[in-house]
């Protein structure tokens, strides 16, 4: 514990595999204990998933507080909120049909103190949901927030199994989704076939980011497919590449000659 600040710093999430937020606490909290936290939306019920070294946090005083470790009563309230949120989701979907709004409501969540009811939805265009919000507020007598989310966020909420046979990363362990670009697929020599490089969300696979730096490094000084290069057996056209092994094949007079450039400049640690 840092004596200067007299705080413990913890990472807390509000749903399994959700984004992790930092909070400060005057009391020590065990990992995996549930807590009540102060947020900009009101009080929230969350779980401590990590403890963080105070030295890596620049502005500890700006962090919001863990109010308390949750009690049995708090947990019962949380379960009650989850049950009511399921009903609110059904009500909202019925109202969307009634109002003929072109949107798909994904989920609903109450803040712990029920000062706010938040709905996440998908839509191709901007939606005028003022009438919907008014009707929901009349039913639940609390502040209503309708938040439009993207396809990646939807995949995280719903989950599923990827082409690798494992649970999709965003619903499993990713707390932050990095920007993914087509150049990453090109760097890795992948066929630019949407069925091969897109995830369940229809967007580029998040895992393309994992090894991109390594591929860029290993591809350094390697020729491009179609280049004419010299080999011990003469000049020819580069017809294939093995980027990670830093080898490529050159077609010389109908014979494929393999050329090796040696170890990757940024070799993986043993």
C-alpha atoms as a PDB file:
ATOM      1  CA  UNK A   1       0.000   0.000   0.000  1.00  0.00           C
ATOM      2  CA  UNK A   2       1.257   3.454  -0.871  1.00  0.00           C
ATOM      3  CA  UNK A   3       1.513   5.458   2.381  1.00  0.00           C
ATOM      4  CA  UNK A   4       1.403   8.731   0.491  1.00  0.00           C
ATOM      5  CA  UNK A   5      -2.064   8.058  -0.911  1.00  0.00           C
ATOM      6  CA  UNK A   6      -3.399   5.528   1.618  1.00  0.00           C
ATOM      7  CA  UNK A   7      -5.283   3.764  -1.146  1.00  0.00           C
ATOM      8  CA  UNK A   8      -5.403   0.333  -2.690  1.00  0.00           C
ATOM      9  CA  UNK A   9      -6.037   0.346  -6.456  1.00  0.00           C
ATOM     10  CA  UNK A  10      -8.183  -2.378  -8.005  1.00  0.00           C
ATOM     11  CA  UNK A  11      -9.389  -3.362 -11.453  1.00  0.00           C
ATOM     12  CA  UNK A  12     -13.141  -3.995 -11.428  1.00  0.00           C
ATOM     13  CA  UNK A  13     -15.481  -5.276 -14.123  1.00  0.00           C
ATOM     14  CA  UNK A  14     -19.261  -5.185 -14.157  1.00  0.00           C
ATOM     15  CA  UNK A  15     -19.871  -8.302 -16.221  1.00  0.00           C
ATOM     16  CA  UNK A  16     -17.834 -11.379 -17.048  1.00  0.00           C
ATOM     17  CA  UNK A  17     -15.015 -10.563 -19.494  1.00  0.00           C
ATOM     18  CA  UNK A  18     -16.207  -6.967 -19.655  1.00  0.00           C
ATOM     19  CA  UNK A  19     -13.974  -3.925 -19.724  1.00  0.00           C
ATOM     20  CA  UNK A  20     -11.903  -3.449 -16.565  1.00  0.00           C
ATOM     21  CA  UNK A  21     -12.045  -0.092 -14.782  1.00  0.00           C
ATOM     22  CA  UNK A  22      -9.693   1.165 -12.069  1.00  0.00           C
ATOM     23  CA  UNK A  23     -11.048   2.185  -8.655  1.00  0.00           C
ATOM     24  CA  UNK A  24      -9.436   3.207  -5.392  1.00  0.00           C
ATOM     25  CA  UNK A  25     -10.289   1.818  -1.971  1.00  0.00           C
ATOM     26  CA  UNK A  26      -9.361   2.602   1.633  1.00  0.00           C
ATOM     27  CA  UNK A  27      -9.798  -1.061   2.574  1.00  0.00           C
ATOM     28  CA  UNK A  28      -8.141  -4.152   1.167  1.00  0.00           C
ATOM     29  CA  UNK A  29     -10.377  -6.205  -1.129  1.00  0.00           C
ATOM     30  CA  UNK A  30      -9.712  -9.861  -1.999  1.00  0.00           C
ATOM     31  CA  UNK A  31      -9.570 -10.737  -5.708  1.00  0.00           C
ATOM     32  CA  UNK A  32     -12.953 -12.006  -7.024  1.00  0.00           C
ATOM     33  CA  UNK A  33     -14.894 -10.335  -4.213  1.00  0.00           C
ATOM     34  CA  UNK A  34     -17.963  -8.375  -5.325  1.00  0.00           C
ATOM     35  CA  UNK A  35     -18.140  -4.680  -4.482  1.00  0.00           C
ATOM     36  CA  UNK A  36     -20.317  -1.603  -4.795  1.00  0.00           C
ATOM     37  CA  UNK A  37     -18.587   1.174  -6.723  1.00  0.00           C
ATOM     38  CA  UNK A  38     -19.223   4.813  -7.474  1.00  0.00           C
ATOM     39  CA  UNK A  39     -19.489   5.585 -11.210  1.00  0.00           C
ATOM     40  CA  UNK A  40     -20.614   8.487 -13.356  1.00  0.00           C
ATOM     41  CA  UNK A  41     -23.895   6.634 -13.934  1.00  0.00           C
ATOM     42  CA  UNK A  42     -24.510   5.968 -10.239  1.00  0.00           C
ATOM     43  CA  UNK A  43     -23.662   3.044  -7.982  1.00  0.00           C
ATOM     44  CA  UNK A  44     -22.714  -0.209  -9.704  1.00  0.00           C
ATOM     45  CA  UNK A  45     -22.301  -3.814  -8.597  1.00  0.00           C
ATOM     46  CA  UNK A  46     -18.985  -5.248  -9.821  1.00  0.00           C
ATOM     47  CA  UNK A  47     -16.234  -7.759  -9.152  1.00  0.00           C
ATOM     48  CA  UNK A  48     -12.601  -7.118  -8.228  1.00  0.00           C
ATOM     49  CA  UNK A  49     -10.448  -8.899 -10.817  1.00  0.00           C
ATOM     50  CA  UNK A  50      -6.975  -7.463 -10.164  1.00  0.00           C
ATOM     51  CA  UNK A  51      -4.881  -5.334  -7.823  1.00  0.00           C
ATOM     52  CA  UNK A  52      -2.756  -2.628  -9.410  1.00  0.00           C
ATOM     53  CA  UNK A  53       0.545  -1.153  -8.275  1.00  0.00           C
ATOM     54  CA  UNK A  54      -0.063   2.439  -7.157  1.00  0.00           C
ATOM     55  CA  UNK A  55       3.119   3.576  -8.897  1.00  0.00           C
ATOM     56  CA  UNK A  56       1.625   2.992 -12.346  1.00  0.00           C
ATOM     57  CA  UNK A  57      -1.378   5.240 -11.648  1.00  0.00           C
ATOM     58  CA  UNK A  58      -0.620   8.916 -12.226  1.00  0.00           C
ATOM     59  CA  UNK A  59      -3.720  10.577 -10.773  1.00  0.00           C
ATOM     60  CA  UNK A  60      -5.019   8.330  -8.023  1.00  0.00           C
ATOM     61  CA  UNK A  61      -7.207  11.066  -6.548  1.00  0.00           C
ATOM     62  CA  UNK A  62      -9.154  11.235  -9.822  1.00  0.00           C
ATOM     63  CA  UNK A  63     -10.193   7.590  -9.585  1.00  0.00           C
ATOM     64  CA  UNK A  64     -13.683   6.853  -8.328  1.00  0.00           C
ATOM     65  CA  UNK A  65     -14.196   4.904  -5.110  1.00  0.00           C
ATOM     66  CA  UNK A  66     -15.100   1.390  -4.160  1.00  0.00           C
ATOM     67  CA  UNK A  67     -17.829   2.218  -1.660  1.00  0.00           C
ATOM     68  CA  UNK A  68     -17.872  -1.160   0.114  1.00  0.00           C
ATOM     69  CA  UNK A  69     -17.515  -4.874  -0.248  1.00  0.00           C
ATOM     70  CA  UNK A  70     -20.987  -6.118  -1.126  1.00  0.00           C
ATOM     71  CA  UNK A  71     -23.288  -7.653   1.472  1.00  0.00           C
ATOM     72  CA  UNK A  72     -25.894 -10.408   1.152  1.00  0.00           C
ATOM     73  CA  UNK A  73     -28.502  -7.663   0.826  1.00  0.00           C
ATOM     74  CA  UNK A  74     -26.507  -6.028  -1.967  1.00  0.00           C
ATOM     75  CA  UNK A  75     -26.259  -9.333  -3.818  1.00  0.00           C
ATOM     76  CA  UNK A  76     -30.016  -9.892  -3.495  1.00  0.00           C
ATOM     77  CA  UNK A  77     -30.602  -6.392  -4.886  1.00  0.00           C
ATOM     78  CA  UNK A  78     -28.263  -7.183  -7.777  1.00  0.00           C
ATOM     79  CA  UNK A  79     -30.229 -10.351  -8.625  1.00  0.00           C
ATOM     80  CA  UNK A  80     -33.467  -8.367  -8.414  1.00  0.00           C
ATOM     81  CA  UNK A  81     -32.045  -5.776 -10.824  1.00  0.00           C
ATOM     82  CA  UNK A  82     -31.021  -8.510 -13.282  1.00  0.00           C
ATOM     83  CA  UNK A  83     -34.523  -9.978 -13.222  1.00  0.00           C
ATOM     84  CA  UNK A  84     -36.146  -6.580 -13.761  1.00  0.00           C
ATOM     85  CA  UNK A  85     -33.689  -5.828 -16.574  1.00  0.00           C
ATOM     86  CA  UNK A  86     -34.889  -8.955 -18.418  1.00  0.00           C
ATOM     87  CA  UNK A  87     -38.464  -7.667 -18.211  1.00  0.00           C
ATOM     88  CA  UNK A  88     -37.336  -4.203 -19.314  1.00  0.00           C
ATOM     89  CA  UNK A  89     -35.653  -5.752 -22.357  1.00  0.00           C
ATOM     90  CA  UNK A  90     -38.888  -7.513 -23.352  1.00  0.00           C
ATOM     91  CA  UNK A  91     -40.896  -4.319 -22.837  1.00  0.00           C
ATOM     92  CA  UNK A  92     -38.428  -2.310 -24.905  1.00  0.00           C
ATOM     93  CA  UNK A  93     -38.491  -4.782 -27.786  1.00  0.00           C
ATOM     94  CA  UNK A  94     -42.292  -4.728 -27.801  1.00  0.00           C
ATOM     95  CA  UNK A  95     -42.294  -0.927 -27.883  1.00  0.00           C
ATOM     96  CA  UNK A  96     -39.773  -0.929 -30.743  1.00  0.00           C
ATOM     97  CA  UNK A  97     -42.211  -3.047 -32.781  1.00  0.00           C
ATOM     98  CA  UNK A  98     -45.143  -0.846 -31.761  1.00  0.00           C
ATOM     99  CA  UNK A  99     -43.276   2.309 -32.827  1.00  0.00           C
ATOM    100  CA  UNK A 100     -41.929   0.614 -35.972  1.00  0.00           C
ATOM    101  CA  UNK A 101     -38.332   1.560 -35.227  1.00  0.00           C
ATOM    102  CA  UNK A 102     -35.574  -0.008 -37.314  1.00  0.00           C
ATOM    103  CA  UNK A 103     -33.363  -1.073 -34.423  1.00  0.00           C
ATOM    104  CA  UNK A 104     -32.439  -4.271 -32.594  1.00  0.00           C
ATOM    105  CA  UNK A 105     -32.224  -4.009 -28.806  1.00  0.00           C
ATOM    106  CA  UNK A 106     -29.435  -6.260 -27.513  1.00  0.00           C
ATOM    107  CA  UNK A 107     -29.643  -5.947 -23.733  1.00  0.00           C
ATOM    108  CA  UNK A 108     -30.816  -3.894 -20.773  1.00  0.00           C
ATOM    109  CA  UNK A 109     -29.098  -3.092 -17.475  1.00  0.00           C
ATOM    110  CA  UNK A 110     -30.055  -1.214 -14.324  1.00  0.00           C
ATOM    111  CA  UNK A 111     -27.398   0.580 -12.336  1.00  0.00           C
ATOM    112  CA  UNK A 112     -27.205  -0.896  -8.839  1.00  0.00           C
ATOM    113  CA  UNK A 113     -29.040   2.062  -7.313  1.00  0.00           C
ATOM    114  CA  UNK A 114     -31.612   1.955 -10.163  1.00  0.00           C
ATOM    115  CA  UNK A 115     -31.019   5.605 -10.994  1.00  0.00           C
ATOM    116  CA  UNK A 116     -30.498   4.667 -14.624  1.00  0.00           C
ATOM    117  CA  UNK A 117     -31.737   1.984 -17.029  1.00  0.00           C
ATOM    118  CA  UNK A 118     -29.421   1.464 -20.000  1.00  0.00           C
ATOM    119  CA  UNK A 119     -30.304  -0.250 -23.282  1.00  0.00           C
ATOM    120  CA  UNK A 120     -27.778  -1.182 -25.982  1.00  0.00           C
ATOM    121  CA  UNK A 121     -29.060  -1.480 -29.534  1.00  0.00           C
ATOM    122  CA  UNK A 122     -27.908  -2.048 -33.096  1.00  0.00           C
ATOM    123  CA  UNK A 123     -29.073   0.041 -36.049  1.00  0.00           C
ATOM    124  CA  UNK A 124     -27.750   0.772 -39.527  1.00  0.00           C
ATOM    125  CA  UNK A 125     -28.641   4.455 -39.264  1.00  0.00           C
ATOM    126  CA  UNK A 126     -29.333   7.046 -36.586  1.00  0.00           C
ATOM    127  CA  UNK A 127     -32.633   6.446 -34.819  1.00  0.00           C
ATOM    128  CA  UNK A 128     -35.048   8.984 -33.379  1.00  0.00           C
ATOM    129  CA  UNK A 129     -35.858   7.128 -30.165  1.00  0.00           C
ATOM    130  CA  UNK A 130     -37.282  10.028 -28.175  1.00  0.00           C
ATOM    131  CA  UNK A 131     -40.787   8.561 -28.055  1.00  0.00           C
ATOM    132  CA  UNK A 132     -39.392   5.171 -27.052  1.00  0.00           C
ATOM    133  CA  UNK A 133     -37.377   6.729 -24.216  1.00  0.00           C
ATOM    134  CA  UNK A 134     -40.443   8.645 -23.028  1.00  0.00           C
ATOM    135  CA  UNK A 135     -42.569   5.484 -22.885  1.00  0.00           C
ATOM    136  CA  UNK A 136     -39.851   3.523 -21.063  1.00  0.00           C
ATOM    137  CA  UNK A 137     -39.372   6.321 -18.531  1.00  0.00           C
ATOM    138  CA  UNK A 138     -43.124   6.312 -17.835  1.00  0.00           C
ATOM    139  CA  UNK A 139     -42.988   2.576 -17.088  1.00  0.00           C
ATOM    140  CA  UNK A 140     -39.814   2.425 -14.998  1.00  0.00           C
ATOM    141  CA  UNK A 141     -39.715   5.902 -13.456  1.00  0.00           C
ATOM    142  CA  UNK A 142     -35.974   6.293 -13.885  1.00  0.00           C
ATOM    143  CA  UNK A 143     -33.521   7.881 -16.298  1.00  0.00           C
ATOM    144  CA  UNK A 144     -33.366   5.989 -19.608  1.00  0.00           C
ATOM    145  CA  UNK A 145     -30.244   5.745 -21.766  1.00  0.00           C
ATOM    146  CA  UNK A 146     -30.419   4.191 -25.240  1.00  0.00           C
ATOM    147  CA  UNK A 147     -26.928   3.541 -26.580  1.00  0.00           C
ATOM    148  CA  UNK A 148     -26.155   2.521 -30.152  1.00  0.00           C
ATOM    149  CA  UNK A 149     -23.330  -0.043 -30.325  1.00  0.00           C
ATOM    150  CA  UNK A 150     -21.297  -1.592 -33.140  1.00  0.00           C
ATOM    151  CA  UNK A 151     -21.062  -5.116 -34.541  1.00  0.00           C
ATOM    152  CA  UNK A 152     -17.990  -5.937 -32.436  1.00  0.00           C
ATOM    153  CA  UNK A 153     -19.795  -4.923 -29.252  1.00  0.00           C
ATOM    154  CA  UNK A 154     -22.726  -7.141 -30.256  1.00  0.00           C
ATOM    155  CA  UNK A 155     -20.403 -10.133 -30.709  1.00  0.00           C
ATOM    156  CA  UNK A 156     -18.944  -9.496 -27.257  1.00  0.00           C
ATOM    157  CA  UNK A 157     -22.412  -9.433 -25.705  1.00  0.00           C
ATOM    158  CA  UNK A 158     -23.689 -12.562 -27.476  1.00  0.00           C
ATOM    159  CA  UNK A 159     -20.483 -14.624 -27.592  1.00  0.00           C
ATOM    160  CA  UNK A 160     -19.841 -17.646 -29.776  1.00  0.00           C
ATOM    161  CA  UNK A 161     -17.118 -19.936 -31.114  1.00  0.00           C
ATOM    162  CA  UNK A 162     -14.610 -18.710 -33.689  1.00  0.00           C
ATOM    163  CA  UNK A 163     -13.043 -20.513 -36.633  1.00  0.00           C
ATOM    164  CA  UNK A 164     -10.190 -21.557 -34.290  1.00  0.00           C
ATOM    165  CA  UNK A 165     -12.659 -23.643 -32.280  1.00  0.00           C
ATOM    166  CA  UNK A 166     -12.356 -21.497 -29.185  1.00  0.00           C
ATOM    167  CA  UNK A 167     -14.661 -18.930 -27.593  1.00  0.00           C
ATOM    168  CA  UNK A 168     -14.290 -15.621 -29.436  1.00  0.00           C
ATOM    169  CA  UNK A 169     -11.622 -13.398 -27.894  1.00  0.00           C
ATOM    170  CA  UNK A 170     -13.825 -10.352 -27.271  1.00  0.00           C
ATOM    171  CA  UNK A 171     -16.211 -12.447 -25.156  1.00  0.00           C
ATOM    172  CA  UNK A 172     -13.421 -14.372 -23.477  1.00  0.00           C
ATOM    173  CA  UNK A 173     -10.545 -12.166 -22.349  1.00  0.00           C
ATOM    174  CA  UNK A 174     -10.239  -8.952 -24.385  1.00  0.00           C
ATOM    175  CA  UNK A 175     -11.134  -5.926 -22.274  1.00  0.00           C
ATOM    176  CA  UNK A 176     -10.179  -3.510 -25.057  1.00  0.00           C
ATOM    177  CA  UNK A 177     -10.665  -4.051 -28.783  1.00  0.00           C
ATOM    178  CA  UNK A 178      -7.829  -2.581 -30.836  1.00  0.00           C
ATOM    179  CA  UNK A 179      -8.240  -1.160 -34.305  1.00  0.00           C
ATOM    180  CA  UNK A 180      -7.832  -3.875 -36.962  1.00  0.00           C
ATOM    181  CA  UNK A 181      -6.871  -3.031 -40.552  1.00  0.00           C
ATOM    182  CA  UNK A 182      -6.753  -4.883 -43.868  1.00  0.00           C
ATOM    183  CA  UNK A 183      -3.000  -4.194 -43.957  1.00  0.00           C
ATOM    184  CA  UNK A 184      -2.585  -6.627 -41.062  1.00  0.00           C
ATOM    185  CA  UNK A 185      -4.035  -9.437 -43.170  1.00  0.00           C
ATOM    186  CA  UNK A 186      -1.776  -8.420 -46.049  1.00  0.00           C
ATOM    187  CA  UNK A 187       1.279  -8.329 -43.768  1.00  0.00           C
ATOM    188  CA  UNK A 188       0.567 -11.938 -42.791  1.00  0.00           C
ATOM    189  CA  UNK A 189       0.151 -13.095 -46.387  1.00  0.00           C
ATOM    190  CA  UNK A 190      -3.454 -14.147 -45.839  1.00  0.00           C
ATOM    191  CA  UNK A 191      -5.947 -14.590 -48.669  1.00  0.00           C
ATOM    192  CA  UNK A 192      -8.226 -11.538 -48.570  1.00  0.00           C
ATOM    193  CA  UNK A 193     -11.333 -13.682 -48.442  1.00  0.00           C
ATOM    194  CA  UNK A 194     -13.976 -12.319 -46.014  1.00  0.00           C
ATOM    195  CA  UNK A 195     -14.933 -15.834 -44.948  1.00  0.00           C
ATOM    196  CA  UNK A 196     -11.332 -16.413 -43.835  1.00  0.00           C
ATOM    197  CA  UNK A 197     -10.362 -13.102 -42.246  1.00  0.00           C
ATOM    198  CA  UNK A 198     -13.679 -11.909 -40.773  1.00  0.00           C
ATOM    199  CA  UNK A 199     -15.014 -12.900 -37.370  1.00  0.00           C
ATOM    200  CA  UNK A 200     -18.572 -13.667 -36.262  1.00  0.00           C
ATOM    201  CA  UNK A 201     -19.236  -9.942 -36.102  1.00  0.00           C
ATOM    202  CA  UNK A 202     -18.534  -9.577 -39.834  1.00  0.00           C
ATOM    203  CA  UNK A 203     -15.513  -7.399 -39.109  1.00  0.00           C
ATOM    204  CA  UNK A 204     -11.814  -8.250 -39.423  1.00  0.00           C
ATOM    205  CA  UNK A 205     -10.590 -10.808 -36.871  1.00  0.00           C
ATOM    206  CA  UNK A 206      -9.251  -9.207 -33.682  1.00  0.00           C
ATOM    207  CA  UNK A 207      -6.477 -11.834 -33.576  1.00  0.00           C
ATOM    208  CA  UNK A 208      -4.889 -10.263 -36.663  1.00  0.00           C
ATOM    209  CA  UNK A 209      -3.398  -7.722 -34.250  1.00  0.00           C
ATOM    210  CA  UNK A 210      -1.660 -10.308 -32.057  1.00  0.00           C
ATOM    211  CA  UNK A 211       1.258 -11.133 -34.362  1.00  0.00           C
ATOM    212  CA  UNK A 212       1.273  -8.145 -36.676  1.00  0.00           C
ATOM    213  CA  UNK A 213       4.502  -6.654 -35.265  1.00  0.00           C
ATOM    214  CA  UNK A 214       6.256 -10.012 -35.632  1.00  0.00           C
ATOM    215  CA  UNK A 215       5.155 -10.397 -39.245  1.00  0.00           C
ATOM    216  CA  UNK A 216       6.270  -6.863 -40.108  1.00  0.00           C
ATOM    217  CA  UNK A 217       9.687  -7.552 -38.611  1.00  0.00           C
ATOM    218  CA  UNK A 218      10.114 -10.959 -40.263  1.00  0.00           C
ATOM    219  CA  UNK A 219       9.022  -9.550 -43.619  1.00  0.00           C
ATOM    220  CA  UNK A 220      11.833  -6.977 -43.537  1.00  0.00           C
ATOM    221  CA  UNK A 221      14.144  -7.274 -46.576  1.00  0.00           C
ATOM    222  CA  UNK A 222      11.980 -10.021 -48.108  1.00  0.00           C
ATOM    223  CA  UNK A 223      10.911  -9.553 -51.746  1.00  0.00           C
ATOM    224  CA  UNK A 224       7.280  -9.300 -52.786  1.00  0.00           C
ATOM    225  CA  UNK A 225       5.462 -11.954 -54.768  1.00  0.00           C
ATOM    226  CA  UNK A 226       6.121 -11.364 -58.456  1.00  0.00           C
ATOM    227  CA  UNK A 227       9.482  -9.657 -57.935  1.00  0.00           C
ATOM    228  CA  UNK A 228      12.360 -10.778 -60.142  1.00  0.00           C
ATOM    229  CA  UNK A 229      15.340 -11.677 -57.969  1.00  0.00           C
ATOM    230  CA  UNK A 230      18.754 -13.311 -58.326  1.00  0.00           C
ATOM    231  CA  UNK A 231      19.512 -16.780 -56.918  1.00  0.00           C
ATOM    232  CA  UNK A 232      22.574 -19.079 -57.134  1.00  0.00           C
ATOM    233  CA  UNK A 233      20.778 -20.786 -60.025  1.00  0.00           C
ATOM    234  CA  UNK A 234      19.941 -17.569 -61.859  1.00  0.00           C
ATOM    235  CA  UNK A 235      17.222 -14.947 -61.897  1.00  0.00           C
ATOM    236  CA  UNK A 236      13.575 -15.805 -61.443  1.00  0.00           C
ATOM    237  CA  UNK A 237      10.175 -14.754 -60.150  1.00  0.00           C
ATOM    238  CA  UNK A 238       9.194 -14.982 -56.469  1.00  0.00           C
ATOM    239  CA  UNK A 239       6.206 -17.336 -56.386  1.00  0.00           C
ATOM    240  CA  UNK A 240       5.723 -18.014 -52.642  1.00  0.00           C
ATOM    241  CA  UNK A 241       6.856 -16.770 -49.210  1.00  0.00           C
ATOM    242  CA  UNK A 242       7.086 -18.221 -45.716  1.00  0.00           C
ATOM    243  CA  UNK A 243       7.293 -15.000 -43.733  1.00  0.00           C
ATOM    244  CA  UNK A 244       7.908 -16.373 -40.233  1.00  0.00           C
ATOM    245  CA  UNK A 245      10.664 -18.711 -41.441  1.00  0.00           C
ATOM    246  CA  UNK A 246      12.015 -15.936 -43.717  1.00  0.00           C
ATOM    247  CA  UNK A 247      12.193 -18.132 -46.776  1.00  0.00           C
ATOM    248  CA  UNK A 248      10.804 -17.685 -50.255  1.00  0.00           C
ATOM    249  CA  UNK A 249      10.687 -19.694 -53.464  1.00  0.00           C
ATOM    250  CA  UNK A 250      11.839 -18.427 -56.831  1.00  0.00           C
ATOM    251  CA  UNK A 251      10.824 -19.999 -60.136  1.00  0.00           C
ATOM    252  CA  UNK A 252      13.972 -20.353 -62.234  1.00  0.00           C
ATOM    253  CA  UNK A 253      13.517 -22.113 -65.571  1.00  0.00           C
ATOM    254  CA  UNK A 254      10.552 -24.150 -64.299  1.00  0.00           C
ATOM    255  CA  UNK A 255      12.413 -25.122 -61.111  1.00  0.00           C
ATOM    256  CA  UNK A 256      11.494 -23.732 -57.683  1.00  0.00           C
ATOM    257  CA  UNK A 257      14.583 -22.555 -55.810  1.00  0.00           C
ATOM    258  CA  UNK A 258      14.249 -21.906 -52.051  1.00  0.00           C
ATOM    259  CA  UNK A 259      16.088 -18.912 -50.594  1.00  0.00           C
ATOM    260  CA  UNK A 260      16.533 -18.302 -46.848  1.00  0.00           C
ATOM    261  CA  UNK A 261      17.262 -14.934 -45.243  1.00  0.00           C
ATOM    262  CA  UNK A 262      17.994 -16.332 -41.783  1.00  0.00           C
ATOM    263  CA  UNK A 263      16.565 -15.468 -38.376  1.00  0.00           C
ATOM    264  CA  UNK A 264      13.863 -12.814 -37.993  1.00  0.00           C
ATOM    265  CA  UNK A 265      15.339  -9.436 -36.865  1.00  0.00           C
ATOM    266  CA  UNK A 266      12.833  -9.436 -33.990  1.00  0.00           C
ATOM    267  CA  UNK A 267      13.120 -13.065 -32.999  1.00  0.00           C
ATOM    268  CA  UNK A 268      10.512 -14.453 -30.631  1.00  0.00           C
ATOM    269  CA  UNK A 269      11.775 -15.069 -27.073  1.00  0.00           C
ATOM    270  CA  UNK A 270      12.587 -18.665 -26.276  1.00  0.00           C
END
